Amino acid sequence: MPSISSTKCWASAPSLEVLRKRTDDYHHWVDAYARKRKIPMEWAEKGLRKEDYVRSWLHRMERHNQHGVYFIFNQQSSHYTSFD
């Protein structure tokens, strides 16, 4: 049996339409996840010290001996890739 590292897969790259749909589906999933669990979700401001900003939510979780996601930052990517 060939090893995984020696197996080659020749597939075409996904189209921009497929990538956009995957991205949209993922964003909708994250929004629903946060809404269902009442997890705060905000846009990260440039220069914001994220650890300091969410510290109160972390302490709340620790006081209740809870574990898991307690805050979600949205962030617009500053890198764009062209698929021409």
PDB file of N, CA and C in Angstrom:
ATOM      1  N   MET A   1       0.857  -1.186   0.000  1.00  0.00           N
ATOM      2  CA  MET A   1       0.000   0.000   0.000  1.00  0.00           C
ATOM      3  C   MET A   1       0.893   1.236   0.000  1.00  0.00           C
ATOM      4  N   PRO A   2       0.644   2.188  -0.894  1.00  0.00           N
ATOM      5  CA  PRO A   2       1.472   3.392  -0.935  1.00  0.00           C
ATOM      6  C   PRO A   2       1.208   4.278   0.277  1.00  0.00           C
ATOM      7  N   SER A   3       2.246   4.987   0.707  1.00  0.00           N
ATOM      8  CA  SER A   3       2.065   5.908   1.835  1.00  0.00           C
ATOM      9  C   SER A   3       1.294   7.139   1.371  1.00  0.00           C
ATOM     10  N   ILE A   4       0.728   7.826   2.326  1.00  0.00           N
ATOM     11  CA  ILE A   4      -0.045   9.025   2.002  1.00  0.00           C
ATOM     12  C   ILE A   4       0.849  10.070   1.346  1.00  0.00           C
ATOM     13  N   SER A   5       2.091  10.175   1.814  1.00  0.00           N
ATOM     14  CA  SER A   5       2.973  11.203   1.265  1.00  0.00           C
ATOM     15  C   SER A   5       3.376  10.919  -0.178  1.00  0.00           C
ATOM     16  N   SER A   6       3.313   9.647  -0.594  1.00  0.00           N
ATOM     17  CA  SER A   6       3.692   9.344  -1.973  1.00  0.00           C
ATOM     18  C   SER A   6       2.492   9.321  -2.917  1.00  0.00           C
ATOM     19  N   THR A   7       1.285   9.445  -2.368  1.00  0.00           N
ATOM     20  CA  THR A   7       0.081   9.440  -3.189  1.00  0.00           C
ATOM     21  C   THR A   7      -0.154  10.839  -3.737  1.00  0.00           C
ATOM     22  N   LYS A   8      -0.369  10.938  -5.025  1.00  0.00           N
ATOM     23  CA  LYS A   8      -0.597  12.244  -5.643  1.00  0.00           C
ATOM     24  C   LYS A   8      -2.056  12.364  -6.050  1.00  0.00           C
ATOM     25  N   CYS A   9      -2.586  13.510  -5.795  1.00  0.00           N
ATOM     26  CA  CYS A   9      -3.970  13.778  -6.153  1.00  0.00           C
ATOM     27  C   CYS A   9      -3.968  14.968  -7.100  1.00  0.00           C
ATOM     28  N   TRP A  10      -4.456  14.787  -8.302  1.00  0.00           N
ATOM     29  CA  TRP A  10      -4.479  15.847  -9.291  1.00  0.00           C
ATOM     30  C   TRP A  10      -5.917  16.307  -9.466  1.00  0.00           C
ATOM     31  N   ALA A  11      -6.283  17.293  -8.702  1.00  0.00           N
ATOM     32  CA  ALA A  11      -7.635  17.841  -8.804  1.00  0.00           C
ATOM     33  C   ALA A  11      -7.532  19.304  -9.204  1.00  0.00           C
ATOM     34  N   SER A  12      -8.515  19.764  -9.907  1.00  0.00           N
ATOM     35  CA  SER A  12      -8.496  21.170 -10.293  1.00  0.00           C
ATOM     36  C   SER A  12      -8.848  22.042  -9.095  1.00  0.00           C
ATOM     37  N   ALA A  13      -8.371  23.253  -9.124  1.00  0.00           N
ATOM     38  CA  ALA A  13      -8.663  24.206  -8.054  1.00  0.00           C
ATOM     39  C   ALA A  13     -10.140  24.571  -8.084  1.00  0.00           C
ATOM     40  N   PRO A  14     -10.742  24.792  -6.900  1.00  0.00           N
ATOM     41  CA  PRO A  14     -12.147  25.189  -6.889  1.00  0.00           C
ATOM     42  C   PRO A  14     -12.334  26.566  -7.509  1.00  0.00           C
ATOM     43  N   SER A  15     -13.479  26.772  -8.107  1.00  0.00           N
ATOM     44  CA  SER A  15     -13.773  28.066  -8.744  1.00  0.00           C
ATOM     45  C   SER A  15     -14.016  29.130  -7.671  1.00  0.00           C
ATOM     46  N   LEU A  16     -13.965  30.383  -8.079  1.00  0.00           N
ATOM     47  CA  LEU A  16     -14.245  31.481  -7.157  1.00  0.00           C
ATOM     48  C   LEU A  16     -15.653  31.375  -6.588  1.00  0.00           C
ATOM     49  N   GLU A  17     -16.574  30.920  -7.409  1.00  0.00           N
ATOM     50  CA  GLU A  17     -17.952  30.746  -6.961  1.00  0.00           C
ATOM     51  C   GLU A  17     -18.030  29.717  -5.836  1.00  0.00           C
ATOM     52  N   VAL A  18     -17.320  28.610  -5.984  1.00  0.00           N
ATOM     53  CA  VAL A  18     -17.302  27.567  -4.955  1.00  0.00           C
ATOM     54  C   VAL A  18     -16.660  28.098  -3.676  1.00  0.00           C
ATOM     55  N   LEU A  19     -15.543  28.810  -3.811  1.00  0.00           N
ATOM     56  CA  LEU A  19     -14.883  29.368  -2.634  1.00  0.00           C
ATOM     57  C   LEU A  19     -15.767  30.384  -1.918  1.00  0.00           C
ATOM     58  N   ARG A  20     -16.473  31.231  -2.667  1.00  0.00           N
ATOM     59  CA  ARG A  20     -17.371  32.220  -2.077  1.00  0.00           C
ATOM     60  C   ARG A  20     -18.510  31.534  -1.323  1.00  0.00           C
ATOM     61  N   LYS A  21     -19.071  30.471  -1.901  1.00  0.00           N
ATOM     62  CA  LYS A  21     -20.158  29.739  -1.245  1.00  0.00           C
ATOM     63  C   LYS A  21     -19.664  29.105   0.058  1.00  0.00           C
ATOM     64  N   ARG A  22     -18.483  28.496   0.016  1.00  0.00           N
ATOM     65  CA  ARG A  22     -17.918  27.895   1.236  1.00  0.00           C
ATOM     66  C   ARG A  22     -17.718  28.957   2.315  1.00  0.00           C
ATOM     67  N   THR A  23     -17.193  30.098   1.915  1.00  0.00           N
ATOM     68  CA  THR A  23     -16.967  31.183   2.871  1.00  0.00           C
ATOM     69  C   THR A  23     -18.288  31.671   3.458  1.00  0.00           C
ATOM     70  N   ASP A  24     -19.271  31.895   2.611  1.00  0.00           N
ATOM     71  CA  ASP A  24     -20.587  32.336   3.089  1.00  0.00           C
ATOM     72  C   ASP A  24     -21.216  31.309   4.017  1.00  0.00           C
ATOM     73  N   ASP A  25     -21.140  30.022   3.641  1.00  0.00           N
ATOM     74  CA  ASP A  25     -21.685  28.960   4.492  1.00  0.00           C
ATOM     75  C   ASP A  25     -21.002  28.942   5.851  1.00  0.00           C
ATOM     76  N   TYR A  26     -19.689  29.106   5.855  1.00  0.00           N
ATOM     77  CA  TYR A  26     -18.941  29.116   7.111  1.00  0.00           C
ATOM     78  C   TYR A  26     -19.349  30.308   7.975  1.00  0.00           C
ATOM     79  N   HIS A  27     -19.453  31.492   7.383  1.00  0.00           N
ATOM     80  CA  HIS A  27     -19.856  32.673   8.147  1.00  0.00           C
ATOM     81  C   HIS A  27     -21.256  32.507   8.726  1.00  0.00           C
ATOM     82  N   HIS A  28     -22.175  31.943   7.960  1.00  0.00           N
ATOM     83  CA  HIS A  28     -23.532  31.699   8.475  1.00  0.00           C
ATOM     84  C   HIS A  28     -23.502  30.697   9.625  1.00  0.00           C
ATOM     85  N   TRP A  29     -22.654  29.673   9.517  1.00  0.00           N
ATOM     86  CA  TRP A  29     -22.550  28.678  10.580  1.00  0.00           C
ATOM     87  C   TRP A  29     -22.022  29.326  11.867  1.00  0.00           C
ATOM     88  N   VAL A  30     -20.974  30.141  11.745  1.00  0.00           N
ATOM     89  CA  VAL A  30     -20.401  30.802  12.924  1.00  0.00           C
ATOM     90  C   VAL A  30     -21.433  31.740  13.552  1.00  0.00           C
ATOM     91  N   ASP A  31     -22.148  32.506  12.731  1.00  0.00           N
ATOM     92  CA  ASP A  31     -23.194  33.401  13.253  1.00  0.00           C
ATOM     93  C   ASP A  31     -24.252  32.621  14.025  1.00  0.00           C
ATOM     94  N   ALA A  32     -24.709  31.511  13.461  1.00  0.00           N
ATOM     95  CA  ALA A  32     -25.734  30.696  14.120  1.00  0.00           C
ATOM     96  C   ALA A  32     -25.201  30.082  15.414  1.00  0.00           C
ATOM     97  N   TYR A  33     -23.964  29.611  15.383  1.00  0.00           N
ATOM     98  CA  TYR A  33     -23.331  29.017  16.566  1.00  0.00           C
ATOM     99  C   TYR A  33     -23.286  30.034  17.700  1.00  0.00           C
ATOM    100  N   ALA A  34     -22.838  31.237  17.395  1.00  0.00           N
ATOM    101  CA  ALA A  34     -22.736  32.287  18.411  1.00  0.00           C
ATOM    102  C   ALA A  34     -24.113  32.695  18.931  1.00  0.00           C
ATOM    103  N   ARG A  35     -25.057  32.862  18.028  1.00  0.00           N
ATOM    104  CA  ARG A  35     -26.410  33.282  18.416  1.00  0.00           C
ATOM    105  C   ARG A  35     -27.073  32.233  19.308  1.00  0.00           C
ATOM    106  N   LYS A  36     -26.960  30.958  18.934  1.00  0.00           N
ATOM    107  CA  LYS A  36     -27.598  29.877  19.690  1.00  0.00           C
ATOM    108  C   LYS A  36     -27.030  29.761  21.102  1.00  0.00           C
ATOM    109  N   ARG A  37     -25.731  30.008  21.243  1.00  0.00           N
ATOM    110  CA  ARG A  37     -25.070  29.851  22.538  1.00  0.00           C
ATOM    111  C   ARG A  37     -24.887  31.177  23.272  1.00  0.00           C
ATOM    112  N   LYS A  38     -25.438  32.254  22.691  1.00  0.00           N
ATOM    113  CA  LYS A  38     -25.350  33.590  23.295  1.00  0.00           C
ATOM    114  C   LYS A  38     -23.900  34.007  23.538  1.00  0.00           C
ATOM    115  N   ILE A  39     -23.060  33.731  22.543  1.00  0.00           N
ATOM    116  CA  ILE A  39     -21.650  34.112  22.598  1.00  0.00           C
ATOM    117  C   ILE A  39     -21.514  35.484  21.947  1.00  0.00           C
ATOM    118  N   PRO A  40     -20.915  36.455  22.649  1.00  0.00           N
ATOM    119  CA  PRO A  40     -20.743  37.773  22.043  1.00  0.00           C
ATOM    120  C   PRO A  40     -19.837  37.691  20.809  1.00  0.00           C
ATOM    121  N   MET A  41     -20.192  38.467  19.792  1.00  0.00           N
ATOM    122  CA  MET A  41     -19.422  38.481  18.559  1.00  0.00           C
ATOM    123  C   MET A  41     -19.337  39.922  18.084  1.00  0.00           C
ATOM    124  N   GLU A  42     -18.116  40.433  17.943  1.00  0.00           N
ATOM    125  CA  GLU A  42     -17.915  41.835  17.569  1.00  0.00           C
ATOM    126  C   GLU A  42     -16.781  41.946  16.572  1.00  0.00           C
ATOM    127  N   TRP A  43     -16.758  43.047  15.840  1.00  0.00           N
ATOM    128  CA  TRP A  43     -15.663  43.354  14.930  1.00  0.00           C
ATOM    129  C   TRP A  43     -14.477  43.814  15.748  1.00  0.00           C
ATOM    130  N   ALA A  44     -13.307  43.296  15.431  1.00  0.00           N
ATOM    131  CA  ALA A  44     -12.077  43.697  16.109  1.00  0.00           C
ATOM    132  C   ALA A  44     -11.603  45.027  15.528  1.00  0.00           C
ATOM    133  N   GLU A  45     -11.372  45.980  16.397  1.00  0.00           N
ATOM    134  CA  GLU A  45     -10.863  47.279  15.955  1.00  0.00           C
ATOM    135  C   GLU A  45      -9.351  47.194  15.802  1.00  0.00           C
ATOM    136  N   LYS A  46      -8.835  47.892  14.828  1.00  0.00           N
ATOM    137  CA  LYS A  46      -7.402  47.898  14.592  1.00  0.00           C
ATOM    138  C   LYS A  46      -6.676  48.424  15.827  1.00  0.00           C
ATOM    139  N   GLY A  47      -5.627  47.729  16.229  1.00  0.00           N
ATOM    140  CA  GLY A  47      -4.833  48.140  17.378  1.00  0.00           C
ATOM    141  C   GLY A  47      -5.386  47.695  18.725  1.00  0.00           C
ATOM    142  N   LEU A  48      -6.538  47.045  18.727  1.00  0.00           N
ATOM    143  CA  LEU A  48      -7.173  46.590  19.963  1.00  0.00           C
ATOM    144  C   LEU A  48      -6.386  45.437  20.581  1.00  0.00           C
ATOM    145  N   ARG A  49      -6.129  45.493  21.871  1.00  0.00           N
ATOM    146  CA  ARG A  49      -5.512  44.362  22.568  1.00  0.00           C
ATOM    147  C   ARG A  49      -6.618  43.383  22.915  1.00  0.00           C
ATOM    148  N   LYS A  50      -6.763  42.379  22.077  1.00  0.00           N
ATOM    149  CA  LYS A  50      -7.896  41.453  22.170  1.00  0.00           C
ATOM    150  C   LYS A  50      -7.943  40.709  23.510  1.00  0.00           C
ATOM    151  N   GLU A  51      -6.785  40.313  24.017  1.00  0.00           N
ATOM    152  CA  GLU A  51      -6.764  39.590  25.295  1.00  0.00           C
ATOM    153  C   GLU A  51      -7.342  40.439  26.421  1.00  0.00           C
ATOM    154  N   ASP A  52      -6.988  41.717  26.434  1.00  0.00           N
ATOM    155  CA  ASP A  52      -7.514  42.619  27.467  1.00  0.00           C
ATOM    156  C   ASP A  52      -9.012  42.836  27.292  1.00  0.00           C
ATOM    157  N   TYR A  53      -9.453  42.953  26.046  1.00  0.00           N
ATOM    158  CA  TYR A  53     -10.860  43.229  25.745  1.00  0.00           C
ATOM    159  C   TYR A  53     -11.779  42.101  26.211  1.00  0.00           C
ATOM    160  N   VAL A  54     -11.352  40.852  26.076  1.00  0.00           N
ATOM    161  CA  VAL A  54     -12.229  39.715  26.405  1.00  0.00           C
ATOM    162  C   VAL A  54     -12.013  39.178  27.818  1.00  0.00           C
ATOM    163  N   ARG A  55     -11.098  39.791  28.562  1.00  0.00           N
ATOM    164  CA  ARG A  55     -10.760  39.273  29.884  1.00  0.00           C
ATOM    165  C   ARG A  55     -11.980  39.119  30.806  1.00  0.00           C
ATOM    166  N   SER A  56     -12.922  40.046  30.766  1.00  0.00           N
ATOM    167  CA  SER A  56     -14.102  39.943  31.640  1.00  0.00           C
ATOM    168  C   SER A  56     -14.943  38.716  31.285  1.00  0.00           C
ATOM    169  N   TRP A  57     -15.058  38.386  29.990  1.00  0.00           N
ATOM    170  CA  TRP A  57     -15.807  37.190  29.590  1.00  0.00           C
ATOM    171  C   TRP A  57     -15.073  35.924  30.041  1.00  0.00           C
ATOM    172  N   LEU A  58     -13.736  35.938  29.953  1.00  0.00           N
ATOM    173  CA  LEU A  58     -12.942  34.795  30.405  1.00  0.00           C
ATOM    174  C   LEU A  58     -13.134  34.587  31.901  1.00  0.00           C
ATOM    175  N   HIS A  59     -13.058  35.649  32.679  1.00  0.00           N
ATOM    176  CA  HIS A  59     -13.224  35.524  34.132  1.00  0.00           C
ATOM    177  C   HIS A  59     -14.619  35.014  34.498  1.00  0.00           C
ATOM    178  N   ARG A  60     -15.620  35.454  33.770  1.00  0.00           N
ATOM    179  CA  ARG A  60     -16.982  34.967  34.009  1.00  0.00           C
ATOM    180  C   ARG A  60     -17.051  33.454  33.803  1.00  0.00           C
ATOM    181  N   MET A  61     -16.437  32.968  32.724  1.00  0.00           N
ATOM    182  CA  MET A  61     -16.423  31.524  32.453  1.00  0.00           C
ATOM    183  C   MET A  61     -15.674  30.776  33.552  1.00  0.00           C
ATOM    184  N   GLU A  62     -14.546  31.324  33.985  1.00  0.00           N
ATOM    185  CA  GLU A  62     -13.748  30.670  35.030  1.00  0.00           C
ATOM    186  C   GLU A  62     -14.511  30.607  36.349  1.00  0.00           C
ATOM    187  N   ARG A  63     -15.220  31.699  36.696  1.00  0.00           N
ATOM    188  CA  ARG A  63     -16.004  31.711  37.944  1.00  0.00           C
ATOM    189  C   ARG A  63     -17.066  30.625  37.958  1.00  0.00           C
ATOM    190  N   HIS A  64     -17.651  30.341  36.793  1.00  0.00           N
ATOM    191  CA  HIS A  64     -18.698  29.326  36.693  1.00  0.00           C
ATOM    192  C   HIS A  64     -18.132  27.944  36.334  1.00  0.00           C
ATOM    193  N   ASN A  65     -16.797  27.831  36.352  1.00  0.00           N
ATOM    194  CA  ASN A  65     -16.128  26.579  36.009  1.00  0.00           C
ATOM    195  C   ASN A  65     -16.597  26.049  34.657  1.00  0.00           C
ATOM    196  N   GLN A  66     -16.721  26.944  33.691  1.00  0.00           N
ATOM    197  CA  GLN A  66     -17.148  26.585  32.340  1.00  0.00           C
ATOM    198  C   GLN A  66     -15.961  26.649  31.399  1.00  0.00           C
ATOM    199  N   HIS A  67     -16.049  25.869  30.340  1.00  0.00           N
ATOM    200  CA  HIS A  67     -14.989  25.823  29.344  1.00  0.00           C
ATOM    201  C   HIS A  67     -15.623  25.943  27.965  1.00  0.00           C
ATOM    202  N   GLY A  68     -14.883  26.482  27.035  1.00  0.00           N
ATOM    203  CA  GLY A  68     -15.379  26.561  25.663  1.00  0.00           C
ATOM    204  C   GLY A  68     -15.230  27.953  25.090  1.00  0.00           C
ATOM    205  N   VAL A  69     -15.944  28.185  24.025  1.00  0.00           N
ATOM    206  CA  VAL A  69     -15.891  29.469  23.333  1.00  0.00           C
ATOM    207  C   VAL A  69     -16.651  30.500  24.160  1.00  0.00           C
ATOM    208  N   TYR A  70     -16.018  31.635  24.434  1.00  0.00           N
ATOM    209  CA  TYR A  70     -16.690  32.670  25.220  1.00  0.00           C
ATOM    210  C   TYR A  70     -16.764  34.005  24.501  1.00  0.00           C
ATOM    211  N   PHE A  71     -16.078  34.145  23.361  1.00  0.00           N
ATOM    212  CA  PHE A  71     -16.136  35.389  22.607  1.00  0.00           C
ATOM    213  C   PHE A  71     -15.637  35.108  21.199  1.00  0.00           C
ATOM    214  N   ILE A  72     -16.215  35.780  20.207  1.00  0.00           N
ATOM    215  CA  ILE A  72     -15.779  35.625  18.822  1.00  0.00           C
ATOM    216  C   ILE A  72     -15.525  37.003  18.240  1.00  0.00           C
ATOM    217  N   PHE A  73     -14.317  37.190  17.731  1.00  0.00           N
ATOM    218  CA  PHE A  73     -13.987  38.414  17.016  1.00  0.00           C
ATOM    219  C   PHE A  73     -14.185  38.191  15.525  1.00  0.00           C
ATOM    220  N   ASN A  74     -14.828  39.144  14.876  1.00  0.00           N
ATOM    221  CA  ASN A  74     -14.863  39.179  13.411  1.00  0.00           C
ATOM    222  C   ASN A  74     -13.674  40.014  12.984  1.00  0.00           C
ATOM    223  N   GLN A  75     -13.065  39.624  11.884  1.00  0.00           N
ATOM    224  CA  GLN A  75     -11.954  40.421  11.388  1.00  0.00           C
ATOM    225  C   GLN A  75     -11.892  40.288   9.880  1.00  0.00           C
ATOM    226  N   GLN A  76     -11.863  41.417   9.209  1.00  0.00           N
ATOM    227  CA  GLN A  76     -11.752  41.439   7.763  1.00  0.00           C
ATOM    228  C   GLN A  76     -10.301  41.171   7.402  1.00  0.00           C
ATOM    229  N   SER A  77     -10.091  40.224   6.524  1.00  0.00           N
ATOM    230  CA  SER A  77      -8.744  39.923   6.079  1.00  0.00           C
ATOM    231  C   SER A  77      -8.182  41.101   5.295  1.00  0.00           C
ATOM    232  N   SER A  78      -6.925  41.392   5.541  1.00  0.00           N
ATOM    233  CA  SER A  78      -6.283  42.481   4.809  1.00  0.00           C
ATOM    234  C   SER A  78      -5.525  41.963   3.597  1.00  0.00           C
ATOM    235  N   HIS A  79      -5.559  40.653   3.385  1.00  0.00           N
ATOM    236  CA  HIS A  79      -4.855  40.050   2.264  1.00  0.00           C
ATOM    237  C   HIS A  79      -5.869  39.539   1.252  1.00  0.00           C
ATOM    238  N   TYR A  80      -5.696  39.918   0.029  1.00  0.00           N
ATOM    239  CA  TYR A  80      -6.576  39.478  -1.028  1.00  0.00           C
ATOM    240  C   TYR A  80      -5.770  38.689  -2.053  1.00  0.00           C
ATOM    241  N   THR A  81      -6.334  37.632  -2.530  1.00  0.00           N
ATOM    242  CA  THR A  81      -5.657  36.798  -3.505  1.00  0.00           C
ATOM    243  C   THR A  81      -6.456  36.833  -4.789  1.00  0.00           C
ATOM    244  N   SER A  82      -5.770  36.987  -5.878  1.00  0.00           N
ATOM    245  CA  SER A  82      -6.429  36.992  -7.183  1.00  0.00           C
ATOM    246  C   SER A  82      -6.257  35.630  -7.821  1.00  0.00           C
ATOM    247  N   PHE A  83      -7.318  35.076  -8.314  1.00  0.00           N
ATOM    248  CA  PHE A  83      -7.305  33.786  -8.992  1.00  0.00           C
ATOM    249  C   PHE A  83      -7.580  34.000 -10.472  1.00  0.00           C
ATOM    250  N   ASP A  84      -6.626  34.524 -11.181  1.00  0.00           N
ATOM    251  CA  ASP A  84      -6.805  34.782 -12.613  1.00  0.00           C
ATOM    252  C   ASP A  84      -6.197  33.655 -13.433  1.00  0.00           C
TER     253      ASP A  84
END
